C-alpha cells in the first residue's frame, strides 16, 4: 500500500519526493537485473540509493516496500527477497570469511505471468539454452544430495559433451564461465573443504535453487525422466 502524506510526515518528505525515490529504485532493479543476467541485487545497494540524499533511518524500508508493490501491480514482477545461505560446512561450525556476509539480504525479480503467456510474449529465445543449462546443472547437484565435488560435477557435464577446457562452445561459449555465472546468480555456491588429501572444492545448491518454486520444478522434471525410463524398460 502506497504511503500517504500523513505516513511521510515523520520523514519530512513530500509524496512527490517519495514517488521519485520509488521510481529510482524500480529503474535500478530493472536495469541491474538486465545488465547482470539476473544476478541478485543487494539490499544495501537499494538502501544507498535512498540514503544518498535522505538520512531518515526507516525511509529505505518504506521506499523498497512500495517499489516491490509497484513492480508487482504495474510490471508483473515479484521482487523476492533472498536470505543468503551459507555453505553446509560453515553451518557445521567451521570458521569462514563468508560468515560476515551470511546474513546479507538481496533481491531477484520473478515474472508473475502464467508460464504460457511468459513464453509467448516475454521469453527471449536467445537465452533459453542458458535456462536449460541451469536446470541440468541444478538437477545434477540435487540428485547428488544438494552438494557435489567439483570433479564429480565436471564428470557428469563431460558425459554431455561439456568440457571445462572449452572456451568456444557453439551454444554456451566458455563453459567454465557459464558455470561460474550460476554461482554469481546464486543458484550455486562454492565451498572449499579441508580433507586428508588436501582441499576439495564443492558445488552446493544456493538460495535460488532452494526456492520452493524452482525445487518443485526440478523434482517434477526428475520424476518425469524416471517415468519415461521405466516406461522404456517396460516396452523393451
C-alpha atoms as a PDB file:
ATOM      1  CA  UNK A   1       0.000   0.000   0.000  1.00  0.00           C
ATOM      2  CA  UNK A   2       1.379   3.410  -1.016  1.00  0.00           C
ATOM      3  CA  UNK A   3       2.447   5.737   1.754  1.00  0.00           C
ATOM      4  CA  UNK A   4       0.210   8.762   2.298  1.00  0.00           C
ATOM      5  CA  UNK A   5       1.156  12.302   3.198  1.00  0.00           C
ATOM      6  CA  UNK A   6       0.476  11.523   6.854  1.00  0.00           C
ATOM      7  CA  UNK A   7       2.775   8.488   6.700  1.00  0.00           C
ATOM      8  CA  UNK A   8       5.535  10.671   5.216  1.00  0.00           C
ATOM      9  CA  UNK A   9       5.245  13.473   7.750  1.00  0.00           C
ATOM     10  CA  UNK A  10       7.609  11.626  10.088  1.00  0.00           C
ATOM     11  CA  UNK A  11      10.269  11.742   7.358  1.00  0.00           C
ATOM     12  CA  UNK A  12       9.726  15.410   6.429  1.00  0.00           C
ATOM     13  CA  UNK A  13       9.198  14.157   2.882  1.00  0.00           C
ATOM     14  CA  UNK A  14       6.602  15.058   0.239  1.00  0.00           C
ATOM     15  CA  UNK A  15       4.631  12.470  -1.727  1.00  0.00           C
ATOM     16  CA  UNK A  16       6.410  13.682  -4.884  1.00  0.00           C
ATOM     17  CA  UNK A  17       9.837  13.124  -3.320  1.00  0.00           C
ATOM     18  CA  UNK A  18       8.826   9.663  -2.153  1.00  0.00           C
ATOM     19  CA  UNK A  19       7.465   8.750  -5.604  1.00  0.00           C
ATOM     20  CA  UNK A  20      10.752   9.885  -7.164  1.00  0.00           C
ATOM     21  CA  UNK A  21      12.708   7.606  -4.817  1.00  0.00           C
ATOM     22  CA  UNK A  22      10.411   4.661  -5.541  1.00  0.00           C
ATOM     23  CA  UNK A  23      10.810   5.195  -9.299  1.00  0.00           C
ATOM     24  CA  UNK A  24      14.592   5.371  -8.897  1.00  0.00           C
ATOM     25  CA  UNK A  25      14.665   2.035  -7.029  1.00  0.00           C
ATOM     26  CA  UNK A  26      12.443   0.400  -9.681  1.00  0.00           C
ATOM     27  CA  UNK A  27      14.647   1.653 -12.527  1.00  0.00           C
ATOM     28  CA  UNK A  28      17.760   0.418 -10.737  1.00  0.00           C
ATOM     29  CA  UNK A  29      16.285  -3.045 -10.106  1.00  0.00           C
ATOM     30  CA  UNK A  30      15.140  -3.487 -13.724  1.00  0.00           C
ATOM     31  CA  UNK A  31      18.402  -2.164 -15.188  1.00  0.00           C
ATOM     32  CA  UNK A  32      20.713  -4.182 -12.935  1.00  0.00           C
ATOM     33  CA  UNK A  33      18.702  -7.374 -13.468  1.00  0.00           C
ATOM     34  CA  UNK A  34      19.097  -6.998 -17.237  1.00  0.00           C
ATOM     35  CA  UNK A  35      22.724  -5.845 -17.081  1.00  0.00           C
ATOM     36  CA  UNK A  36      23.870  -8.633 -14.742  1.00  0.00           C
ATOM     37  CA  UNK A  37      21.859 -11.509 -16.250  1.00  0.00           C
ATOM     38  CA  UNK A  38      19.589 -11.900 -13.251  1.00  0.00           C
ATOM     39  CA  UNK A  39      22.221 -11.753 -10.502  1.00  0.00           C
ATOM     40  CA  UNK A  40      20.673 -10.824  -7.136  1.00  0.00           C
ATOM     41  CA  UNK A  41      20.714  -7.163  -6.141  1.00  0.00           C
ATOM     42  CA  UNK A  42      21.918  -6.473  -2.611  1.00  0.00           C
ATOM     43  CA  UNK A  43      19.567  -4.646  -0.287  1.00  0.00           C
ATOM     44  CA  UNK A  44      22.474  -2.379   0.665  1.00  0.00           C
ATOM     45  CA  UNK A  45      22.600  -1.099  -2.930  1.00  0.00           C
ATOM     46  CA  UNK A  46      18.930  -0.081  -2.799  1.00  0.00           C
ATOM     47  CA  UNK A  47      19.346   1.426   0.655  1.00  0.00           C
ATOM     48  CA  UNK A  48      22.204   3.592  -0.601  1.00  0.00           C
ATOM     49  CA  UNK A  49      20.014   4.936  -3.415  1.00  0.00           C
ATOM     50  CA  UNK A  50      17.645   6.304  -0.777  1.00  0.00           C
ATOM     51  CA  UNK A  51      20.157   7.440   1.831  1.00  0.00           C
ATOM     52  CA  UNK A  52      22.476   9.342  -0.504  1.00  0.00           C
ATOM     53  CA  UNK A  53      20.189  12.376  -0.102  1.00  0.00           C
ATOM     54  CA  UNK A  54      17.964  11.375   2.819  1.00  0.00           C
ATOM     55  CA  UNK A  55      19.225  10.279   6.229  1.00  0.00           C
ATOM     56  CA  UNK A  56      15.989   9.061   7.834  1.00  0.00           C
ATOM     57  CA  UNK A  57      16.659   5.581   9.162  1.00  0.00           C
ATOM     58  CA  UNK A  58      13.318   3.921   8.356  1.00  0.00           C
ATOM     59  CA  UNK A  59      12.875   5.511   4.924  1.00  0.00           C
ATOM     60  CA  UNK A  60      14.676   2.834   2.837  1.00  0.00           C
ATOM     61  CA  UNK A  61      12.306   0.119   4.082  1.00  0.00           C
ATOM     62  CA  UNK A  62       9.258   2.224   3.161  1.00  0.00           C
ATOM     63  CA  UNK A  63      10.594   3.017  -0.321  1.00  0.00           C
ATOM     64  CA  UNK A  64      11.713  -0.559  -1.063  1.00  0.00           C
ATOM     65  CA  UNK A  65       8.358  -1.970   0.059  1.00  0.00           C
ATOM     66  CA  UNK A  66       6.464   0.413  -2.213  1.00  0.00           C
ATOM     67  CA  UNK A  67       8.834  -0.396  -5.098  1.00  0.00           C
ATOM     68  CA  UNK A  68       8.038  -4.088  -4.555  1.00  0.00           C
ATOM     69  CA  UNK A  69       4.322  -3.339  -4.698  1.00  0.00           C
ATOM     70  CA  UNK A  70       4.577  -1.308  -7.922  1.00  0.00           C
ATOM     71  CA  UNK A  71       6.830  -3.857  -9.605  1.00  0.00           C
ATOM     72  CA  UNK A  72       4.051  -6.369  -8.965  1.00  0.00           C
ATOM     73  CA  UNK A  73       0.986  -4.312  -9.884  1.00  0.00           C
ATOM     74  CA  UNK A  74       2.480  -2.325 -12.786  1.00  0.00           C
ATOM     75  CA  UNK A  75       5.220  -4.539 -14.244  1.00  0.00           C
ATOM     76  CA  UNK A  76       4.037  -8.030 -13.248  1.00  0.00           C
ATOM     77  CA  UNK A  77       7.217  -8.918 -11.344  1.00  0.00           C
ATOM     78  CA  UNK A  78       7.587 -10.302  -7.846  1.00  0.00           C
ATOM     79  CA  UNK A  79      10.588  -8.717  -6.156  1.00  0.00           C
ATOM     80  CA  UNK A  80      11.577 -11.641  -3.975  1.00  0.00           C
ATOM     81  CA  UNK A  81      13.907 -11.270  -1.022  1.00  0.00           C
ATOM     82  CA  UNK A  82      16.649 -13.870  -0.707  1.00  0.00           C
ATOM     83  CA  UNK A  83      18.361 -14.749   2.541  1.00  0.00           C
ATOM     84  CA  UNK A  84      21.905 -15.646   1.569  1.00  0.00           C
ATOM     85  CA  UNK A  85      22.562 -19.255   2.553  1.00  0.00           C
ATOM     86  CA  UNK A  86      25.881 -20.378   3.975  1.00  0.00           C
ATOM     87  CA  UNK A  87      27.880 -23.405   2.828  1.00  0.00           C
ATOM     88  CA  UNK A  88      26.960 -26.515   4.808  1.00  0.00           C
ATOM     89  CA  UNK A  89      30.474 -26.843   6.213  1.00  0.00           C
ATOM     90  CA  UNK A  90      30.156 -23.301   7.597  1.00  0.00           C
ATOM     91  CA  UNK A  91      26.811 -24.243   9.140  1.00  0.00           C
ATOM     92  CA  UNK A  92      28.584 -27.063  10.945  1.00  0.00           C
ATOM     93  CA  UNK A  93      30.786 -24.571  12.747  1.00  0.00           C
ATOM     94  CA  UNK A  94      33.828 -24.129  10.508  1.00  0.00           C
ATOM     95  CA  UNK A  95      35.225 -20.624  10.681  1.00  0.00           C
ATOM     96  CA  UNK A  96      34.748 -18.856   7.389  1.00  0.00           C
ATOM     97  CA  UNK A  97      35.106 -15.384   5.951  1.00  0.00           C
ATOM     98  CA  UNK A  98      31.688 -15.918   4.411  1.00  0.00           C
ATOM     99  CA  UNK A  99      30.062 -15.754   7.857  1.00  0.00           C
ATOM    100  CA  UNK A 100      30.245 -11.982   7.789  1.00  0.00           C
ATOM    101  CA  UNK A 101      28.107 -11.886   4.641  1.00  0.00           C
ATOM    102  CA  UNK A 102      25.965 -14.844   5.565  1.00  0.00           C
ATOM    103  CA  UNK A 103      23.030 -12.693   6.603  1.00  0.00           C
ATOM    104  CA  UNK A 104      23.224 -10.243   3.687  1.00  0.00           C
ATOM    105  CA  UNK A 105      19.825  -9.817   2.030  1.00  0.00           C
ATOM    106  CA  UNK A 106      19.325  -9.448  -1.691  1.00  0.00           C
ATOM    107  CA  UNK A 107      16.513  -9.403  -4.238  1.00  0.00           C
ATOM    108  CA  UNK A 108      15.643 -11.020  -7.556  1.00  0.00           C
ATOM    109  CA  UNK A 109      12.644 -10.311  -9.740  1.00  0.00           C
ATOM    110  CA  UNK A 110      10.429 -13.158 -10.932  1.00  0.00           C
ATOM    111  CA  UNK A 111       7.681 -12.907 -13.544  1.00  0.00           C
ATOM    112  CA  UNK A 112       4.158 -13.365 -12.199  1.00  0.00           C
ATOM    113  CA  UNK A 113       2.753 -14.068 -15.661  1.00  0.00           C
ATOM    114  CA  UNK A 114       1.281 -17.502 -16.419  1.00  0.00           C
ATOM    115  CA  UNK A 115       4.008 -19.724 -17.997  1.00  0.00           C
ATOM    116  CA  UNK A 116       2.287 -19.906 -21.401  1.00  0.00           C
ATOM    117  CA  UNK A 117       1.906 -16.105 -21.558  1.00  0.00           C
ATOM    118  CA  UNK A 118       5.508 -15.578 -20.458  1.00  0.00           C
ATOM    119  CA  UNK A 119       6.791 -17.997 -23.137  1.00  0.00           C
ATOM    120  CA  UNK A 120       4.738 -16.321 -25.869  1.00  0.00           C
ATOM    121  CA  UNK A 121       5.324 -12.650 -25.118  1.00  0.00           C
ATOM    122  CA  UNK A 122       8.328 -12.259 -22.813  1.00  0.00           C
ATOM    123  CA  UNK A 123      10.788 -15.142 -23.002  1.00  0.00           C
ATOM    124  CA  UNK A 124      13.919 -14.417 -25.011  1.00  0.00           C
ATOM    125  CA  UNK A 125      14.581 -17.375 -27.300  1.00  0.00           C
ATOM    126  CA  UNK A 126      18.235 -16.339 -27.393  1.00  0.00           C
ATOM    127  CA  UNK A 127      18.670 -17.221 -23.701  1.00  0.00           C
ATOM    128  CA  UNK A 128      16.663 -20.454 -23.459  1.00  0.00           C
ATOM    129  CA  UNK A 129      19.866 -22.502 -23.787  1.00  0.00           C
ATOM    130  CA  UNK A 130      21.163 -20.875 -20.590  1.00  0.00           C
ATOM    131  CA  UNK A 131      17.924 -21.771 -18.816  1.00  0.00           C
ATOM    132  CA  UNK A 132      18.363 -25.374 -19.938  1.00  0.00           C
ATOM    133  CA  UNK A 133      21.991 -25.458 -18.772  1.00  0.00           C
ATOM    134  CA  UNK A 134      20.971 -24.005 -15.396  1.00  0.00           C
ATOM    135  CA  UNK A 135      18.241 -26.602 -14.967  1.00  0.00           C
ATOM    136  CA  UNK A 136      20.536 -29.506 -15.852  1.00  0.00           C
ATOM    137  CA  UNK A 137      23.340 -28.415 -13.510  1.00  0.00           C
ATOM    138  CA  UNK A 138      20.951 -27.815 -10.607  1.00  0.00           C
ATOM    139  CA  UNK A 139      19.369 -31.222 -11.230  1.00  0.00           C
ATOM    140  CA  UNK A 140      22.779 -32.940 -11.104  1.00  0.00           C
ATOM    141  CA  UNK A 141      23.627 -31.269  -7.791  1.00  0.00           C
ATOM    142  CA  UNK A 142      20.137 -32.012  -6.442  1.00  0.00           C
ATOM    143  CA  UNK A 143      20.491 -35.720  -7.280  1.00  0.00           C
ATOM    144  CA  UNK A 144      23.872 -35.726  -5.536  1.00  0.00           C
ATOM    145  CA  UNK A 145      22.140 -34.674  -2.325  1.00  0.00           C
ATOM    146  CA  UNK A 146      22.483 -30.924  -2.732  1.00  0.00           C
ATOM    147  CA  UNK A 147      26.284 -30.897  -2.752  1.00  0.00           C
ATOM    148  CA  UNK A 148      28.833 -32.369  -5.161  1.00  0.00           C
ATOM    149  CA  UNK A 149      32.643 -32.293  -5.534  1.00  0.00           C
ATOM    150  CA  UNK A 150      33.800 -30.159  -8.451  1.00  0.00           C
ATOM    151  CA  UNK A 151      35.403 -33.129 -10.255  1.00  0.00           C
ATOM    152  CA  UNK A 152      32.205 -35.193  -9.983  1.00  0.00           C
ATOM    153  CA  UNK A 153      30.155 -32.359 -11.453  1.00  0.00           C
ATOM    154  CA  UNK A 154      32.547 -31.990 -14.377  1.00  0.00           C
ATOM    155  CA  UNK A 155      32.436 -35.777 -14.848  1.00  0.00           C
ATOM    156  CA  UNK A 156      28.677 -35.577 -15.458  1.00  0.00           C
ATOM    157  CA  UNK A 157      28.990 -32.499 -17.667  1.00  0.00           C
ATOM    158  CA  UNK A 158      31.702 -34.152 -19.774  1.00  0.00           C
ATOM    159  CA  UNK A 159      29.319 -37.055 -20.425  1.00  0.00           C
ATOM    160  CA  UNK A 160      27.036 -34.460 -22.060  1.00  0.00           C
ATOM    161  CA  UNK A 161      29.882 -33.065 -24.164  1.00  0.00           C
ATOM    162  CA  UNK A 162      30.549 -30.058 -21.928  1.00  0.00           C
ATOM    163  CA  UNK A 163      34.264 -29.745 -21.111  1.00  0.00           C
ATOM    164  CA  UNK A 164      35.905 -27.327 -18.680  1.00  0.00           C
ATOM    165  CA  UNK A 165      38.587 -26.536 -21.276  1.00  0.00           C
ATOM    166  CA  UNK A 166      36.040 -25.495 -23.916  1.00  0.00           C
ATOM    167  CA  UNK A 167      36.061 -21.718 -24.308  1.00  0.00           C
ATOM    168  CA  UNK A 168      34.030 -21.568 -27.515  1.00  0.00           C
ATOM    169  CA  UNK A 169      31.127 -23.976 -27.224  1.00  0.00           C
ATOM    170  CA  UNK A 170      28.728 -23.286 -30.149  1.00  0.00           C
ATOM    171  CA  UNK A 171      25.812 -22.652 -27.764  1.00  0.00           C
ATOM    172  CA  UNK A 172      27.190 -21.854 -24.299  1.00  0.00           C
ATOM    173  CA  UNK A 173      30.525 -20.251 -25.205  1.00  0.00           C
ATOM    174  CA  UNK A 174      33.014 -20.559 -22.329  1.00  0.00           C
ATOM    175  CA  UNK A 175      31.731 -23.498 -20.270  1.00  0.00           C
ATOM    176  CA  UNK A 176      33.640 -22.540 -17.120  1.00  0.00           C
ATOM    177  CA  UNK A 177      32.201 -19.035 -17.280  1.00  0.00           C
ATOM    178  CA  UNK A 178      28.696 -20.437 -17.825  1.00  0.00           C
ATOM    179  CA  UNK A 179      29.090 -22.490 -14.644  1.00  0.00           C
ATOM    180  CA  UNK A 180      30.539 -19.535 -12.727  1.00  0.00           C
ATOM    181  CA  UNK A 181      27.524 -17.445 -13.773  1.00  0.00           C
ATOM    182  CA  UNK A 182      25.305 -19.841 -11.805  1.00  0.00           C
ATOM    183  CA  UNK A 183      27.382 -19.010  -8.722  1.00  0.00           C
ATOM    184  CA  UNK A 184      27.014 -15.273  -9.339  1.00  0.00           C
ATOM    185  CA  UNK A 185      23.266 -15.699  -9.849  1.00  0.00           C
ATOM    186  CA  UNK A 186      23.085 -17.645  -6.545  1.00  0.00           C
ATOM    187  CA  UNK A 187      21.824 -20.924  -7.963  1.00  0.00           C
ATOM    188  CA  UNK A 188      25.053 -22.497  -6.711  1.00  0.00           C
ATOM    189  CA  UNK A 189      27.705 -21.666  -4.162  1.00  0.00           C
ATOM    190  CA  UNK A 190      31.265 -22.920  -3.913  1.00  0.00           C
ATOM    191  CA  UNK A 191      32.822 -24.232  -0.748  1.00  0.00           C
ATOM    192  CA  UNK A 192      36.411 -25.375  -0.192  1.00  0.00           C
ATOM    193  CA  UNK A 193      36.654 -28.166   2.383  1.00  0.00           C
ATOM    194  CA  UNK A 194      39.867 -29.378   4.034  1.00  0.00           C
ATOM    195  CA  UNK A 195      40.360 -33.140   3.952  1.00  0.00           C
ATOM    196  CA  UNK A 196      43.110 -35.726   4.428  1.00  0.00           C
ATOM    197  CA  UNK A 197      44.056 -35.408   0.753  1.00  0.00           C
ATOM    198  CA  UNK A 198      44.029 -31.617   0.731  1.00  0.00           C
ATOM    199  CA  UNK A 199      41.390 -29.073  -0.231  1.00  0.00           C
ATOM    200  CA  UNK A 200      38.354 -30.204  -2.203  1.00  0.00           C
ATOM    201  CA  UNK A 201      36.086 -27.732  -3.953  1.00  0.00           C
ATOM    202  CA  UNK A 202      32.360 -28.475  -3.692  1.00  0.00           C
ATOM    203  CA  UNK A 203      29.401 -27.006  -5.526  1.00  0.00           C
ATOM    204  CA  UNK A 204      26.292 -26.705  -3.371  1.00  0.00           C
ATOM    205  CA  UNK A 205      22.744 -25.545  -4.035  1.00  0.00           C
ATOM    206  CA  UNK A 206      22.304 -21.882  -3.080  1.00  0.00           C
ATOM    207  CA  UNK A 207      19.176 -19.942  -2.162  1.00  0.00           C
ATOM    208  CA  UNK A 208      17.689 -19.550  -5.653  1.00  0.00           C
ATOM    209  CA  UNK A 209      17.933 -23.280  -6.338  1.00  0.00           C
ATOM    210  CA  UNK A 210      16.440 -23.979  -2.908  1.00  0.00           C
ATOM    211  CA  UNK A 211      13.477 -21.706  -3.623  1.00  0.00           C
ATOM    212  CA  UNK A 212      10.236 -23.670  -3.373  1.00  0.00           C
ATOM    213  CA  UNK A 213       9.118 -22.990  -6.961  1.00  0.00           C
ATOM    214  CA  UNK A 214      12.456 -23.983  -8.524  1.00  0.00           C
ATOM    215  CA  UNK A 215      12.849 -27.006  -6.250  1.00  0.00           C
ATOM    216  CA  UNK A 216       9.387 -28.321  -7.168  1.00  0.00           C
ATOM    217  CA  UNK A 217      10.068 -27.915 -10.897  1.00  0.00           C
ATOM    218  CA  UNK A 218      13.310 -29.877 -10.542  1.00  0.00           C
ATOM    219  CA  UNK A 219      11.537 -32.686  -8.710  1.00  0.00           C
ATOM    220  CA  UNK A 220       8.824 -32.801 -11.399  1.00  0.00           C
ATOM    221  CA  UNK A 221      11.488 -32.838 -14.134  1.00  0.00           C
ATOM    222  CA  UNK A 222      13.417 -35.684 -12.490  1.00  0.00           C
ATOM    223  CA  UNK A 223      10.217 -37.660 -11.827  1.00  0.00           C
ATOM    224  CA  UNK A 224       9.219 -37.308 -15.483  1.00  0.00           C
ATOM    225  CA  UNK A 225      12.595 -38.650 -16.635  1.00  0.00           C
ATOM    226  CA  UNK A 226      12.304 -41.599 -14.244  1.00  0.00           C
ATOM    227  CA  UNK A 227       8.777 -42.379 -15.523  1.00  0.00           C
ATOM    228  CA  UNK A 228       9.987 -42.311 -19.120  1.00  0.00           C
ATOM    229  CA  UNK A 229      12.925 -44.592 -18.292  1.00  0.00           C
ATOM    230  CA  UNK A 230      10.621 -47.069 -16.531  1.00  0.00           C
ATOM    231  CA  UNK A 231       8.173 -46.999 -19.450  1.00  0.00           C
ATOM    232  CA  UNK A 232      11.042 -47.585 -21.865  1.00  0.00           C
ATOM    233  CA  UNK A 233      12.253 -50.612 -19.858  1.00  0.00           C
ATOM    234  CA  UNK A 234       8.707 -51.997 -19.743  1.00  0.00           C
ATOM    235  CA  UNK A 235       8.359 -51.704 -23.524  1.00  0.00           C
ATOM    236  CA  UNK A 236      11.706 -53.385 -24.085  1.00  0.00           C
END
